[in-house]
Amino acid sequence: MAGTDDQITYLASAVKNLGLLVQAMKSVFPQQTGTATTATAGAAALPATPAGFIVVTLPNGTLVKVPFYGD
């Protein structure tokens, strides 16, 4: 049964390393943390009437709102 034990150890290690990879990617790439119906501040002129805003947390912890538009 040593082969089975080796396979289980290998799979456990793979799952652990996959979790570490996900954590590393979250620290580099922005994460969507919600949506909003309004946004304030900034100097950009948006096209008329966005459907809403996607709230994104940047890697440095800053929250930003990105407009999205419906049909």
C-alpha atoms as a PDB file:
ATOM      1  CA  MET A   1       0.000   0.000   0.000  1.00  0.00           C
ATOM      2  CA  ALA A   2       3.017   2.304  -0.081  1.00  0.00           C
ATOM      3  CA  GLY A   3       1.984   3.432  -3.563  1.00  0.00           C
ATOM      4  CA  THR A   4      -1.405   4.616  -2.307  1.00  0.00           C
ATOM      5  CA  ASP A   5       0.220   6.508   0.554  1.00  0.00           C
ATOM      6  CA  ASP A   6       2.597   8.192  -1.905  1.00  0.00           C
ATOM      7  CA  GLN A   7      -0.318   9.215  -4.121  1.00  0.00           C
ATOM      8  CA  ILE A   8      -2.225  10.694  -1.189  1.00  0.00           C
ATOM      9  CA  THR A   9       0.879  12.596  -0.061  1.00  0.00           C
ATOM     10  CA  TYR A  10       1.398  13.879  -3.614  1.00  0.00           C
ATOM     11  CA  LEU A  11      -2.234  15.011  -3.932  1.00  0.00           C
ATOM     12  CA  ALA A  12      -2.161  16.719  -0.537  1.00  0.00           C
ATOM     13  CA  SER A  13       0.986  18.573  -1.553  1.00  0.00           C
ATOM     14  CA  ALA A  14      -0.576  19.581  -4.881  1.00  0.00           C
ATOM     15  CA  VAL A  15      -3.683  20.957  -3.162  1.00  0.00           C
ATOM     16  CA  LYS A  16      -1.556  22.909  -0.670  1.00  0.00           C
ATOM     17  CA  ASN A  17       0.591  24.379  -3.448  1.00  0.00           C
ATOM     18  CA  LEU A  18      -2.478  25.284  -5.496  1.00  0.00           C
ATOM     19  CA  GLY A  19      -3.807  27.201  -2.484  1.00  0.00           C
ATOM     20  CA  LEU A  20      -0.498  29.047  -2.163  1.00  0.00           C
ATOM     21  CA  LEU A  21      -0.630  29.919  -5.868  1.00  0.00           C
ATOM     22  CA  VAL A  22      -4.146  31.333  -5.509  1.00  0.00           C
ATOM     23  CA  GLN A  23      -3.018  33.476  -2.557  1.00  0.00           C
ATOM     24  CA  ALA A  24      -0.048  34.783  -4.543  1.00  0.00           C
ATOM     25  CA  MET A  25      -2.252  35.656  -7.522  1.00  0.00           C
ATOM     26  CA  LYS A  26      -4.716  37.525  -5.297  1.00  0.00           C
ATOM     27  CA  SER A  27      -1.849  39.659  -4.004  1.00  0.00           C
ATOM     28  CA  VAL A  28      -0.911  40.688  -7.553  1.00  0.00           C
ATOM     29  CA  PHE A  29      -4.191  40.951  -9.456  1.00  0.00           C
ATOM     30  CA  PRO A  30      -7.146  43.213  -8.549  1.00  0.00           C
ATOM     31  CA  GLN A  31     -10.097  41.445  -6.925  1.00  0.00           C
ATOM     32  CA  GLN A  32     -13.753  42.296  -7.524  1.00  0.00           C
ATOM     33  CA  THR A  33     -15.312  42.881  -4.129  1.00  0.00           C
ATOM     34  CA  GLY A  34     -18.837  43.950  -5.061  1.00  0.00           C
ATOM     35  CA  THR A  35     -20.939  46.340  -7.095  1.00  0.00           C
ATOM     36  CA  ALA A  36     -22.321  49.833  -6.533  1.00  0.00           C
ATOM     37  CA  THR A  37     -24.981  52.038  -8.110  1.00  0.00           C
ATOM     38  CA  THR A  38     -23.038  55.291  -7.720  1.00  0.00           C
ATOM     39  CA  ALA A  39     -19.471  56.563  -7.664  1.00  0.00           C
ATOM     40  CA  THR A  40     -17.969  59.903  -6.664  1.00  0.00           C
ATOM     41  CA  ALA A  41     -14.729  61.777  -7.268  1.00  0.00           C
ATOM     42  CA  GLY A  42     -12.351  61.533 -10.177  1.00  0.00           C
ATOM     43  CA  ALA A  43     -12.100  63.670 -13.276  1.00  0.00           C
ATOM     44  CA  ALA A  44     -13.112  61.214 -16.005  1.00  0.00           C
ATOM     45  CA  ALA A  45     -16.172  62.015 -18.109  1.00  0.00           C
ATOM     46  CA  LEU A  46     -18.179  58.795 -18.419  1.00  0.00           C
ATOM     47  CA  PRO A  47     -20.597  57.927 -21.189  1.00  0.00           C
ATOM     48  CA  ALA A  48     -24.192  58.560 -20.164  1.00  0.00           C
ATOM     49  CA  THR A  49     -25.863  56.354 -17.575  1.00  0.00           C
ATOM     50  CA  PRO A  50     -23.704  53.398 -16.594  1.00  0.00           C
ATOM     51  CA  ALA A  51     -25.759  50.405 -15.403  1.00  0.00           C
ATOM     52  CA  GLY A  52     -23.599  50.291 -12.279  1.00  0.00           C
ATOM     53  CA  PHE A  53     -20.064  50.026 -10.996  1.00  0.00           C
ATOM     54  CA  ILE A  54     -17.885  47.011 -10.229  1.00  0.00           C
ATOM     55  CA  VAL A  55     -16.014  47.574  -6.982  1.00  0.00           C
ATOM     56  CA  VAL A  56     -12.425  46.334  -7.263  1.00  0.00           C
ATOM     57  CA  THR A  57      -9.777  46.088  -4.560  1.00  0.00           C
ATOM     58  CA  LEU A  58      -6.340  46.828  -5.995  1.00  0.00           C
ATOM     59  CA  PRO A  59      -3.297  44.928  -4.662  1.00  0.00           C
ATOM     60  CA  ASN A  60      -2.370  47.939  -2.481  1.00  0.00           C
ATOM     61  CA  GLY A  61      -5.811  47.818  -0.799  1.00  0.00           C
ATOM     62  CA  THR A  62      -7.326  50.789  -2.667  1.00  0.00           C
ATOM     63  CA  LEU A  63     -11.001  50.372  -3.617  1.00  0.00           C
ATOM     64  CA  VAL A  64     -11.940  51.618  -7.083  1.00  0.00           C
ATOM     65  CA  LYS A  65     -15.228  51.588  -8.987  1.00  0.00           C
ATOM     66  CA  VAL A  66     -15.239  50.611 -12.653  1.00  0.00           C
ATOM     67  CA  PRO A  67     -18.382  51.498 -14.653  1.00  0.00           C
ATOM     68  CA  PHE A  68     -20.266  48.861 -16.611  1.00  0.00           C
ATOM     69  CA  TYR A  69     -23.024  49.305 -19.148  1.00  0.00           C
ATOM     70  CA  GLY A  70     -26.109  47.242 -20.034  1.00  0.00           C
ATOM     71  CA  ASP A  71     -27.833  46.683 -23.355  1.00  0.00           C
END
